[in-house]
Amino acid sequence: SCLLHDIGTAEKFLATTYMSFEFKGAIVARDLILSLGGPEPE
């Protein structure tokens, strides 16, 4: 959560979505963790 909490402010994401950075970042984080084999509850 700490490592990814501001991922939505990254240049790659901040200006490429209409979503607030927290919401976009949360989606990016969830997708990343699942893609790396992390448990869905985590």
PDB file of all heavy atoms in Angstrom:
ATOM      1  N   SER A   1       0.832  -1.205   0.000  1.00  0.00           N
ATOM      2  CA  SER A   1       0.000   0.000   0.000  1.00  0.00           C
ATOM      3  C   SER A   1       0.865   1.253   0.000  1.00  0.00           C
ATOM      4  O   SER A   1       0.569   2.219  -0.721  1.00  0.00           O
ATOM      5  CB  SER A   1      -0.932   0.006   1.218  1.00  0.00           C
ATOM      6  OG  SER A   1      -1.761  -1.130   1.239  1.00  0.00           O
ATOM      7  N   CYS A   2       1.907   1.248   0.798  1.00  0.00           N
ATOM      8  CA  CYS A   2       2.807   2.406   0.862  1.00  0.00           C
ATOM      9  C   CYS A   2       3.507   2.634  -0.470  1.00  0.00           C
ATOM     10  O   CYS A   2       3.549   3.753  -0.993  1.00  0.00           O
ATOM     11  CB  CYS A   2       3.838   2.212   1.965  1.00  0.00           C
ATOM     12  SG  CYS A   2       3.153   2.217   3.630  1.00  0.00           S
ATOM     13  N   LEU A   3       4.072   1.571  -1.010  1.00  0.00           N
ATOM     14  CA  LEU A   3       4.833   1.692  -2.254  1.00  0.00           C
ATOM     15  C   LEU A   3       3.971   2.191  -3.411  1.00  0.00           C
ATOM     16  O   LEU A   3       4.472   2.875  -4.315  1.00  0.00           O
ATOM     17  CB  LEU A   3       5.449   0.344  -2.618  1.00  0.00           C
ATOM     18  CG  LEU A   3       6.607  -0.120  -1.730  1.00  0.00           C
ATOM     19  CD1 LEU A   3       6.929  -1.586  -1.999  1.00  0.00           C
ATOM     20  CD2 LEU A   3       7.849   0.759  -1.960  1.00  0.00           C
ATOM     21  N   LEU A   4       2.678   1.877  -3.383  1.00  0.00           N
ATOM     22  CA  LEU A   4       1.807   2.184  -4.511  1.00  0.00           C
ATOM     23  C   LEU A   4       0.776   3.269  -4.228  1.00  0.00           C
ATOM     24  O   LEU A   4      -0.012   3.615  -5.121  1.00  0.00           O
ATOM     25  CB  LEU A   4       1.090   0.906  -4.959  1.00  0.00           C
ATOM     26  CG  LEU A   4       2.000  -0.207  -5.504  1.00  0.00           C
ATOM     27  CD1 LEU A   4       1.189  -1.490  -5.718  1.00  0.00           C
ATOM     28  CD2 LEU A   4       2.679   0.220  -6.802  1.00  0.00           C
ATOM     29  N   HIS A   5       0.771   3.849  -3.027  1.00  0.00           N
ATOM     30  CA  HIS A   5      -0.342   4.744  -2.697  1.00  0.00           C
ATOM     31  C   HIS A   5      -0.368   6.005  -3.558  1.00  0.00           C
ATOM     32  O   HIS A   5      -1.423   6.588  -3.783  1.00  0.00           O
ATOM     33  CB  HIS A   5      -0.355   5.086  -1.195  1.00  0.00           C
ATOM     34  CG  HIS A   5       0.612   6.150  -0.780  1.00  0.00           C
ATOM     35  ND1 HIS A   5       1.957   5.906  -0.573  1.00  0.00           N
ATOM     36  CD2 HIS A   5       0.427   7.467  -0.509  1.00  0.00           C
ATOM     37  CE1 HIS A   5       2.555   7.023  -0.198  1.00  0.00           C
ATOM     38  NE2 HIS A   5       1.650   7.991  -0.154  1.00  0.00           N
ATOM     39  N   ASP A   6       0.789   6.424  -4.074  1.00  0.00           N
ATOM     40  CA  ASP A   6       0.842   7.605  -4.936  1.00  0.00           C
ATOM     41  C   ASP A   6       1.180   7.256  -6.380  1.00  0.00           C
ATOM     42  O   ASP A   6       1.575   8.135  -7.146  1.00  0.00           O
ATOM     43  CB  ASP A   6       1.866   8.612  -4.393  1.00  0.00           C
ATOM     44  CG  ASP A   6       1.319   9.474  -3.273  1.00  0.00           C
ATOM     45  OD1 ASP A   6       0.080   9.504  -3.088  1.00  0.00           O
ATOM     46  OD2 ASP A   6       2.123  10.122  -2.567  1.00  0.00           O
ATOM     47  N   ILE A   7       1.004   5.992  -6.762  1.00  0.00           N
ATOM     48  CA  ILE A   7       1.342   5.594  -8.129  1.00  0.00           C
ATOM     49  C   ILE A   7       0.485   6.360  -9.139  1.00  0.00           C
ATOM     50  O   ILE A   7       0.906   6.609 -10.278  1.00  0.00           O
ATOM     51  CB  ILE A   7       1.209   4.060  -8.322  1.00  0.00           C
ATOM     52  CG1 ILE A   7       1.960   3.606  -9.584  1.00  0.00           C
ATOM     53  CG2 ILE A   7      -0.250   3.629  -8.341  1.00  0.00           C
ATOM     54  CD1 ILE A   7       3.454   3.743  -9.506  1.00  0.00           C
ATOM     55  N   GLY A   8      -0.697   6.774  -8.735  1.00  0.00           N
ATOM     56  CA  GLY A   8      -1.567   7.536  -9.616  1.00  0.00           C
ATOM     57  C   GLY A   8      -1.047   8.921  -9.940  1.00  0.00           C
ATOM     58  O   GLY A   8      -1.563   9.583 -10.862  1.00  0.00           O
ATOM     59  N   THR A   9      -0.024   9.400  -9.207  1.00  0.00           N
ATOM     60  CA  THR A   9       0.581  10.699  -9.520  1.00  0.00           C
ATOM     61  C   THR A   9       1.726  10.566 -10.514  1.00  0.00           C
ATOM     62  O   THR A   9       2.281  11.580 -10.950  1.00  0.00           O
ATOM     63  CB  THR A   9       1.125  11.392  -8.249  1.00  0.00           C
ATOM     64  OG1 THR A   9       2.252  10.649  -7.737  1.00  0.00           O
ATOM     65  CG2 THR A   9       0.051  11.508  -7.180  1.00  0.00           C
ATOM     66  N   ALA A  10       2.096   9.339 -10.855  1.00  0.00           N
ATOM     67  CA  ALA A  10       3.189   9.129 -11.806  1.00  0.00           C
ATOM     68  C   ALA A  10       2.827   9.748 -13.151  1.00  0.00           C
ATOM     69  O   ALA A  10       1.658   9.811 -13.544  1.00  0.00           O
ATOM     70  CB  ALA A  10       3.475   7.641 -11.963  1.00  0.00           C
ATOM     71  N   GLU A  11       3.844  10.189 -13.864  1.00  0.00           N
ATOM     72  CA  GLU A  11       3.632  10.827 -15.167  1.00  0.00           C
ATOM     73  C   GLU A  11       2.804   9.936 -16.098  1.00  0.00           C
ATOM     74  O   GLU A  11       1.985  10.422 -16.879  1.00  0.00           O
ATOM     75  CB  GLU A  11       4.984  11.145 -15.797  1.00  0.00           C
ATOM     76  CG  GLU A  11       4.893  11.908 -17.099  1.00  0.00           C
ATOM     77  CD  GLU A  11       6.251  12.302 -17.641  1.00  0.00           C
ATOM     78  OE1 GLU A  11       7.255  12.153 -16.925  1.00  0.00           O
ATOM     79  OE2 GLU A  11       6.306  12.762 -18.808  1.00  0.00           O
ATOM     80  N   LYS A  12       3.012   8.641 -15.990  1.00  0.00           N
ATOM     81  CA  LYS A  12       2.324   7.677 -16.849  1.00  0.00           C
ATOM     82  C   LYS A  12       0.819   7.663 -16.624  1.00  0.00           C
ATOM     83  O   LYS A  12       0.055   7.271 -17.517  1.00  0.00           O
ATOM     84  CB  LYS A  12       2.910   6.290 -16.579  1.00  0.00           C
ATOM     85  CG  LYS A  12       2.402   5.165 -17.456  1.00  0.00           C
ATOM     86  CD  LYS A  12       3.186   3.896 -17.151  1.00  0.00           C
ATOM     87  CE  LYS A  12       2.741   2.728 -18.004  1.00  0.00           C
ATOM     88  NZ  LYS A  12       3.569   1.511 -17.719  1.00  0.00           N
ATOM     89  N   PHE A  13       0.362   8.102 -15.434  1.00  0.00           N
ATOM     90  CA  PHE A  13      -1.047   7.946 -15.075  1.00  0.00           C
ATOM     91  C   PHE A  13      -1.785   9.249 -14.802  1.00  0.00           C
ATOM     92  O   PHE A  13      -2.975   9.348 -15.089  1.00  0.00           O
ATOM     93  CB  PHE A  13      -1.173   7.031 -13.846  1.00  0.00           C
ATOM     94  CG  PHE A  13      -0.540   5.683 -14.019  1.00  0.00           C
ATOM     95  CD1 PHE A  13       0.539   5.290 -13.233  1.00  0.00           C
ATOM     96  CD2 PHE A  13      -1.006   4.800 -14.985  1.00  0.00           C
ATOM     97  CE1 PHE A  13       1.127   4.050 -13.389  1.00  0.00           C
ATOM     98  CE2 PHE A  13      -0.422   3.550 -15.150  1.00  0.00           C
ATOM     99  CZ  PHE A  13       0.648   3.173 -14.351  1.00  0.00           C
ATOM    100  N   LEU A  14      -1.128  10.256 -14.209  1.00  0.00           N
ATOM    101  CA  LEU A  14      -1.848  11.421 -13.690  1.00  0.00           C
ATOM    102  C   LEU A  14      -2.648  12.142 -14.768  1.00  0.00           C
ATOM    103  O   LEU A  14      -3.820  12.476 -14.560  1.00  0.00           O
ATOM    104  CB  LEU A  14      -0.873  12.401 -13.019  1.00  0.00           C
ATOM    105  CG  LEU A  14      -1.525  13.620 -12.358  1.00  0.00           C
ATOM    106  CD1 LEU A  14      -2.425  13.201 -11.202  1.00  0.00           C
ATOM    107  CD2 LEU A  14      -0.467  14.609 -11.862  1.00  0.00           C
ATOM    108  N   ALA A  15      -2.024  12.391 -15.911  1.00  0.00           N
ATOM    109  CA  ALA A  15      -2.675  13.177 -16.959  1.00  0.00           C
ATOM    110  C   ALA A  15      -3.276  12.314 -18.059  1.00  0.00           C
ATOM    111  O   ALA A  15      -3.697  12.832 -19.100  1.00  0.00           O
ATOM    112  CB  ALA A  15      -1.677  14.166 -17.555  1.00  0.00           C
ATOM    113  N   THR A  16      -3.333  11.013 -17.828  1.00  0.00           N
ATOM    114  CA  THR A  16      -3.858  10.111 -18.865  1.00  0.00           C
ATOM    115  C   THR A  16      -5.193   9.490 -18.451  1.00  0.00           C
ATOM    116  O   THR A  16      -5.655   8.553 -19.085  1.00  0.00           O
ATOM    117  CB  THR A  16      -2.842   8.992 -19.179  1.00  0.00           C
ATOM    118  OG1 THR A  16      -2.576   8.247 -17.984  1.00  0.00           O
ATOM    119  CG2 THR A  16      -1.545   9.583 -19.715  1.00  0.00           C
ATOM    120  N   THR A  17      -5.783   9.999 -17.385  1.00  0.00           N
ATOM    121  CA  THR A  17      -7.079   9.505 -16.927  1.00  0.00           C
ATOM    122  C   THR A  17      -7.883  10.671 -16.383  1.00  0.00           C
ATOM    123  O   THR A  17      -7.318  11.660 -15.882  1.00  0.00           O
ATOM    124  CB  THR A  17      -6.913   8.442 -15.827  1.00  0.00           C
ATOM    125  OG1 THR A  17      -8.208   8.018 -15.379  1.00  0.00           O
ATOM    126  CG2 THR A  17      -6.165   8.995 -14.625  1.00  0.00           C
ATOM    127  N   TYR A  18      -9.207  10.557 -16.467  1.00  0.00           N
ATOM    128  CA  TYR A  18     -10.080  11.557 -15.860  1.00  0.00           C
ATOM    129  C   TYR A  18     -10.310  11.264 -14.379  1.00  0.00           C
ATOM    130  O   TYR A  18     -10.865  12.099 -13.667  1.00  0.00           O
ATOM    131  CB  TYR A  18     -11.431  11.582 -16.589  1.00  0.00           C
ATOM    132  CG  TYR A  18     -11.362  12.161 -17.983  1.00  0.00           C
ATOM    133  CD1 TYR A  18     -11.379  11.332 -19.091  1.00  0.00           C
ATOM    134  CD2 TYR A  18     -11.280  13.541 -18.189  1.00  0.00           C
ATOM    135  CE1 TYR A  18     -11.311  11.855 -20.381  1.00  0.00           C
ATOM    136  CE2 TYR A  18     -11.211  14.076 -19.461  1.00  0.00           C
ATOM    137  CZ  TYR A  18     -11.227  13.227 -20.553  1.00  0.00           C
ATOM    138  OH  TYR A  18     -11.156  13.752 -21.822  1.00  0.00           O
ATOM    139  N   MET A  19      -9.892  10.104 -13.925  1.00  0.00           N
ATOM    140  CA  MET A  19     -10.098   9.735 -12.526  1.00  0.00           C
ATOM    141  C   MET A  19      -9.147  10.477 -11.596  1.00  0.00           C
ATOM    142  O   MET A  19      -8.025  10.821 -11.975  1.00  0.00           O
ATOM    143  CB  MET A  19      -9.909   8.224 -12.341  1.00  0.00           C
ATOM    144  CG  MET A  19     -11.054   7.398 -12.832  1.00  0.00           C
ATOM    145  SD  MET A  19     -10.873   5.640 -12.383  1.00  0.00           S
ATOM    146  CE  MET A  19      -9.591   5.160 -13.517  1.00  0.00           C
ATOM    147  N   SER A  20      -9.571  10.673 -10.368  1.00  0.00           N
ATOM    148  CA  SER A  20      -8.689  11.187  -9.328  1.00  0.00           C
ATOM    149  C   SER A  20      -7.520  10.224  -9.143  1.00  0.00           C
ATOM    150  O   SER A  20      -7.667   9.013  -9.323  1.00  0.00           O
ATOM    151  CB  SER A  20      -9.450  11.326  -8.012  1.00  0.00           C
ATOM    152  OG  SER A  20     -10.564  12.180  -8.162  1.00  0.00           O
ATOM    153  N   PHE A  21      -6.363  10.774  -8.761  1.00  0.00           N
ATOM    154  CA  PHE A  21      -5.160   9.942  -8.746  1.00  0.00           C
ATOM    155  C   PHE A  21      -5.275   8.761  -7.789  1.00  0.00           C
ATOM    156  O   PHE A  21      -4.722   7.687  -8.051  1.00  0.00           O
ATOM    157  CB  PHE A  21      -3.918  10.785  -8.439  1.00  0.00           C
ATOM    158  CG  PHE A  21      -3.600  10.982  -6.985  1.00  0.00           C
ATOM    159  CD1 PHE A  21      -2.856  10.043  -6.275  1.00  0.00           C
ATOM    160  CD2 PHE A  21      -4.013  12.117  -6.307  1.00  0.00           C
ATOM    161  CE1 PHE A  21      -2.545  10.227  -4.933  1.00  0.00           C
ATOM    162  CE2 PHE A  21      -3.706  12.321  -4.965  1.00  0.00           C
ATOM    163  CZ  PHE A  21      -2.970  11.370  -4.285  1.00  0.00           C
ATOM    164  N   GLU A  22      -5.990   8.923  -6.661  1.00  0.00           N
ATOM    165  CA  GLU A  22      -6.117   7.814  -5.716  1.00  0.00           C
ATOM    166  C   GLU A  22      -6.863   6.635  -6.343  1.00  0.00           C
ATOM    167  O   GLU A  22      -6.502   5.476  -6.134  1.00  0.00           O
ATOM    168  CB  GLU A  22      -6.866   8.245  -4.449  1.00  0.00           C
ATOM    169  CG  GLU A  22      -6.297   9.459  -3.740  1.00  0.00           C
ATOM    170  CD  GLU A  22      -7.018  10.726  -4.140  1.00  0.00           C
ATOM    171  OE1 GLU A  22      -7.351  10.871  -5.342  1.00  0.00           O
ATOM    172  OE2 GLU A  22      -7.258  11.565  -3.264  1.00  0.00           O
ATOM    173  N   PHE A  23      -7.915   6.938  -7.092  1.00  0.00           N
ATOM    174  CA  PHE A  23      -8.748   5.892  -7.669  1.00  0.00           C
ATOM    175  C   PHE A  23      -8.029   5.171  -8.816  1.00  0.00           C
ATOM    176  O   PHE A  23      -8.045   3.940  -8.890  1.00  0.00           O
ATOM    177  CB  PHE A  23     -10.085   6.475  -8.137  1.00  0.00           C
ATOM    178  CG  PHE A  23     -10.877   7.087  -7.010  1.00  0.00           C
ATOM    179  CD1 PHE A  23     -10.772   8.433  -6.712  1.00  0.00           C
ATOM    180  CD2 PHE A  23     -11.702   6.303  -6.224  1.00  0.00           C
ATOM    181  CE1 PHE A  23     -11.480   8.989  -5.657  1.00  0.00           C
ATOM    182  CE2 PHE A  23     -12.428   6.849  -5.165  1.00  0.00           C
ATOM    183  CZ  PHE A  23     -12.313   8.201  -4.882  1.00  0.00           C
ATOM    184  N   LYS A  24      -7.406   5.957  -9.685  1.00  0.00           N
ATOM    185  CA  LYS A  24      -6.620   5.342 -10.756  1.00  0.00           C
ATOM    186  C   LYS A  24      -5.478   4.527 -10.160  1.00  0.00           C
ATOM    187  O   LYS A  24      -5.216   3.383 -10.588  1.00  0.00           O
ATOM    188  CB  LYS A  24      -6.063   6.421 -11.683  1.00  0.00           C
ATOM    189  CG  LYS A  24      -5.138   5.893 -12.782  1.00  0.00           C
ATOM    190  CD  LYS A  24      -5.868   4.980 -13.752  1.00  0.00           C
ATOM    191  CE  LYS A  24      -4.956   4.579 -14.906  1.00  0.00           C
ATOM    192  NZ  LYS A  24      -5.651   3.698 -15.877  1.00  0.00           N
ATOM    193  N   GLY A  25      -4.798   5.093  -9.169  1.00  0.00           N
ATOM    194  CA  GLY A  25      -3.683   4.383  -8.552  1.00  0.00           C
ATOM    195  C   GLY A  25      -4.108   3.093  -7.888  1.00  0.00           C
ATOM    196  O   GLY A  25      -3.395   2.081  -7.944  1.00  0.00           O
ATOM    197  N   ALA A  26      -5.281   3.104  -7.272  1.00  0.00           N
ATOM    198  CA  ALA A  26      -5.781   1.902  -6.610  1.00  0.00           C
ATOM    199  C   ALA A  26      -6.049   0.792  -7.622  1.00  0.00           C
ATOM    200  O   ALA A  26      -5.766  -0.388  -7.367  1.00  0.00           O
ATOM    201  CB  ALA A  26      -7.059   2.226  -5.838  1.00  0.00           C
ATOM    202  N   ILE A  27      -6.593   1.156  -8.777  1.00  0.00           N
ATOM    203  CA  ILE A  27      -6.844   0.169  -9.827  1.00  0.00           C
ATOM    204  C   ILE A  27      -5.528  -0.383 -10.369  1.00  0.00           C
ATOM    205  O   ILE A  27      -5.381  -1.604 -10.556  1.00  0.00           O
ATOM    206  CB  ILE A  27      -7.693   0.797 -10.951  1.00  0.00           C
ATOM    207  CG1 ILE A  27      -9.095   1.134 -10.428  1.00  0.00           C
ATOM    208  CG2 ILE A  27      -7.772  -0.133 -12.160  1.00  0.00           C
ATOM    209  CD1 ILE A  27      -9.908   1.995 -11.359  1.00  0.00           C
ATOM    210  N   VAL A  28      -4.582   0.510 -10.625  1.00  0.00           N
ATOM    211  CA  VAL A  28      -3.259   0.076 -11.099  1.00  0.00           C
ATOM    212  C   VAL A  28      -2.627  -0.878 -10.092  1.00  0.00           C
ATOM    213  O   VAL A  28      -2.083  -1.928 -10.460  1.00  0.00           O
ATOM    214  CB  VAL A  28      -2.341   1.291 -11.335  1.00  0.00           C
ATOM    215  CG1 VAL A  28      -0.900   0.852 -11.592  1.00  0.00           C
ATOM    216  CG2 VAL A  28      -2.847   2.128 -12.507  1.00  0.00           C
ATOM    217  N   ALA A  29      -2.718  -0.532  -8.810  1.00  0.00           N
ATOM    218  CA  ALA A  29      -2.112  -1.351  -7.762  1.00  0.00           C
ATOM    219  C   ALA A  29      -2.755  -2.731  -7.698  1.00  0.00           C
ATOM    220  O   ALA A  29      -2.056  -3.756  -7.616  1.00  0.00           O
ATOM    221  CB  ALA A  29      -2.243  -0.642  -6.415  1.00  0.00           C
ATOM    222  N   ARG A  30      -4.076  -2.763  -7.716  1.00  0.00           N
ATOM    223  CA  ARG A  30      -4.770  -4.059  -7.630  1.00  0.00           C
ATOM    224  C   ARG A  30      -4.421  -4.938  -8.826  1.00  0.00           C
ATOM    225  O   ARG A  30      -4.114  -6.129  -8.671  1.00  0.00           O
ATOM    226  CB  ARG A  30      -6.282  -3.844  -7.544  1.00  0.00           C
ATOM    227  CG  ARG A  30      -7.078  -5.132  -7.304  1.00  0.00           C
ATOM    228  CD  ARG A  30      -8.571  -4.843  -7.192  1.00  0.00           C
ATOM    229  NE  ARG A  30      -9.300  -6.039  -6.763  1.00  0.00           N
ATOM    230  CZ  ARG A  30      -9.705  -7.005  -7.575  1.00  0.00           C
ATOM    231  NH1 ARG A  30      -9.438  -6.921  -8.878  1.00  0.00           N
ATOM    232  NH2 ARG A  30     -10.355  -8.060  -7.107  1.00  0.00           N
ATOM    233  N   ASP A  31      -4.469  -4.362 -10.020  1.00  0.00           N
ATOM    234  CA  ASP A  31      -4.143  -5.135 -11.220  1.00  0.00           C
ATOM    235  C   ASP A  31      -2.703  -5.654 -11.166  1.00  0.00           C
ATOM    236  O   ASP A  31      -2.426  -6.798 -11.552  1.00  0.00           O
ATOM    237  CB  ASP A  31      -4.334  -4.279 -12.470  1.00  0.00           C
ATOM    238  CG  ASP A  31      -5.801  -4.020 -12.797  1.00  0.00           C
ATOM    239  OD1 ASP A  31      -6.674  -4.688 -12.205  1.00  0.00           O
ATOM    240  OD2 ASP A  31      -6.073  -3.139 -13.644  1.00  0.00           O
ATOM    241  N   LEU A  32      -1.791  -4.813 -10.701  1.00  0.00           N
ATOM    242  CA  LEU A  32      -0.376  -5.208 -10.631  1.00  0.00           C
ATOM    243  C   LEU A  32      -0.188  -6.375  -9.672  1.00  0.00           C
ATOM    244  O   LEU A  32       0.475  -7.374 -10.011  1.00  0.00           O
ATOM    245  CB  LEU A  32       0.474  -4.014 -10.185  1.00  0.00           C
ATOM    246  CG  LEU A  32       1.959  -4.315  -9.958  1.00  0.00           C
ATOM    247  CD1 LEU A  32       2.648  -4.698 -11.264  1.00  0.00           C
ATOM    248  CD2 LEU A  32       2.654  -3.113  -9.300  1.00  0.00           C
ATOM    249  N   ILE A  33      -0.751  -6.270  -8.481  1.00  0.00           N
ATOM    250  CA  ILE A  33      -0.577  -7.318  -7.476  1.00  0.00           C
ATOM    251  C   ILE A  33      -1.145  -8.640  -7.967  1.00  0.00           C
ATOM    252  O   ILE A  33      -0.527  -9.701  -7.819  1.00  0.00           O
ATOM    253  CB  ILE A  33      -1.214  -6.884  -6.140  1.00  0.00           C
ATOM    254  CG1 ILE A  33      -0.405  -5.719  -5.540  1.00  0.00           C
ATOM    255  CG2 ILE A  33      -1.283  -8.049  -5.151  1.00  0.00           C
ATOM    256  CD1 ILE A  33      -1.108  -5.010  -4.408  1.00  0.00           C
ATOM    257  N   LEU A  34      -2.313  -8.590  -8.587  1.00  0.00           N
ATOM    258  CA  LEU A  34      -2.905  -9.816  -9.116  1.00  0.00           C
ATOM    259  C   LEU A  34      -2.060 -10.387 -10.255  1.00  0.00           C
ATOM    260  O   LEU A  34      -1.882 -11.604 -10.355  1.00  0.00           O
ATOM    261  CB  LEU A  34      -4.334  -9.549  -9.597  1.00  0.00           C
ATOM    262  CG  LEU A  34      -5.364  -9.241  -8.500  1.00  0.00           C
ATOM    263  CD1 LEU A  34      -6.709  -8.885  -9.120  1.00  0.00           C
ATOM    264  CD2 LEU A  34      -5.511 -10.412  -7.526  1.00  0.00           C
ATOM    265  N   SER A  35      -1.520  -9.513 -11.099  1.00  0.00           N
ATOM    266  CA  SER A  35      -0.698  -9.989 -12.213  1.00  0.00           C
ATOM    267  C   SER A  35       0.585 -10.646 -11.738  1.00  0.00           C
ATOM    268  O   SER A  35       1.166 -11.485 -12.435  1.00  0.00           O
ATOM    269  CB  SER A  35      -0.360  -8.835 -13.162  1.00  0.00           C
ATOM    270  OG  SER A  35       0.625  -7.971 -12.608  1.00  0.00           O
ATOM    271  N   LEU A  36       1.035 -10.277 -10.543  1.00  0.00           N
ATOM    272  CA  LEU A  36       2.253 -10.851  -9.967  1.00  0.00           C
ATOM    273  C   LEU A  36       1.959 -12.082  -9.099  1.00  0.00           C
ATOM    274  O   LEU A  36       2.854 -12.609  -8.453  1.00  0.00           O
ATOM    275  CB  LEU A  36       2.984  -9.788  -9.138  1.00  0.00           C
ATOM    276  CG  LEU A  36       3.531  -8.593  -9.927  1.00  0.00           C
ATOM    277  CD1 LEU A  36       4.052  -7.522  -8.978  1.00  0.00           C
ATOM    278  CD2 LEU A  36       4.637  -9.032 -10.887  1.00  0.00           C
ATOM    279  N   GLY A  37       0.706 -12.505  -9.077  1.00  0.00           N
ATOM    280  CA  GLY A  37       0.333 -13.703  -8.327  1.00  0.00           C
ATOM    281  C   GLY A  37      -0.039 -13.455  -6.887  1.00  0.00           C
ATOM    282  O   GLY A  37      -0.161 -14.412  -6.108  1.00  0.00           O
ATOM    283  N   GLY A  38      -0.253 -12.199  -6.515  1.00  0.00           N
ATOM    284  CA  GLY A  38      -0.654 -11.897  -5.145  1.00  0.00           C
ATOM    285  C   GLY A  38      -2.072 -12.360  -4.866  1.00  0.00           C
ATOM    286  O   GLY A  38      -2.905 -12.426  -5.776  1.00  0.00           O
ATOM    287  N   PRO A  39      -2.386 -12.681  -3.612  1.00  0.00           N
ATOM    288  CA  PRO A  39      -3.745 -13.127  -3.258  1.00  0.00           C
ATOM    289  C   PRO A  39      -4.768 -12.007  -3.483  1.00  0.00           C
ATOM    290  O   PRO A  39      -4.477 -10.833  -3.225  1.00  0.00           O
ATOM    291  CB  PRO A  39      -3.629 -13.465  -1.770  1.00  0.00           C
ATOM    292  CG  PRO A  39      -2.166 -13.550  -1.474  1.00  0.00           C
ATOM    293  CD  PRO A  39      -1.480 -12.661  -2.446  1.00  0.00           C
ATOM    294  N   GLU A  40      -5.938 -12.377  -3.951  1.00  0.00           N
ATOM    295  CA  GLU A  40      -6.955 -11.364  -4.215  1.00  0.00           C
ATOM    296  C   GLU A  40      -7.346 -10.565  -2.962  1.00  0.00           C
ATOM    297  O   GLU A  40      -7.512  -9.342  -3.049  1.00  0.00           O
ATOM    298  CB  GLU A  40      -8.195 -11.992  -4.846  1.00  0.00           C
ATOM    299  CG  GLU A  40      -9.217 -10.964  -5.295  1.00  0.00           C
ATOM    300  CD  GLU A  40     -10.329 -11.552  -6.150  1.00  0.00           C
ATOM    301  OE1 GLU A  40     -10.352 -12.792  -6.325  1.00  0.00           O
ATOM    302  OE2 GLU A  40     -11.170 -10.777  -6.633  1.00  0.00           O
ATOM    303  N   PRO A  41      -7.482 -11.193  -1.775  1.00  0.00           N
ATOM    304  CA  PRO A  41      -7.796 -10.385  -0.588  1.00  0.00           C
ATOM    305  C   PRO A  41      -6.712  -9.346  -0.289  1.00  0.00           C
ATOM    306  O   PRO A  41      -7.025  -8.237   0.156  1.00  0.00           O
ATOM    307  CB  PRO A  41      -7.889 -11.424   0.533  1.00  0.00           C
ATOM    308  CG  PRO A  41      -8.228 -12.696  -0.152  1.00  0.00           C
ATOM    309  CD  PRO A  41      -7.508 -12.639  -1.461  1.00  0.00           C
ATOM    310  N   GLU A  42      -5.461  -9.690  -0.534  1.00  0.00           N
ATOM    311  CA  GLU A  42      -4.389  -8.725  -0.315  1.00  0.00           C
ATOM    312  C   GLU A  42      -4.477  -7.584  -1.320  1.00  0.00           C
ATOM    313  O   GLU A  42      -4.337  -6.406  -0.960  1.00  0.00           O
ATOM    314  CB  GLU A  42      -3.027  -9.409  -0.411  1.00  0.00           C
ATOM    315  CG  GLU A  42      -1.859  -8.484  -0.105  1.00  0.00           C
ATOM    316  CD  GLU A  42      -0.550  -9.225   0.073  1.00  0.00           C
ATOM    317  OE1 GLU A  42      -0.337 -10.236  -0.646  1.00  0.00           O
ATOM    318  OE2 GLU A  42       0.275  -8.813   0.904  1.00  0.00           O
TER     319      GLU A  42
END
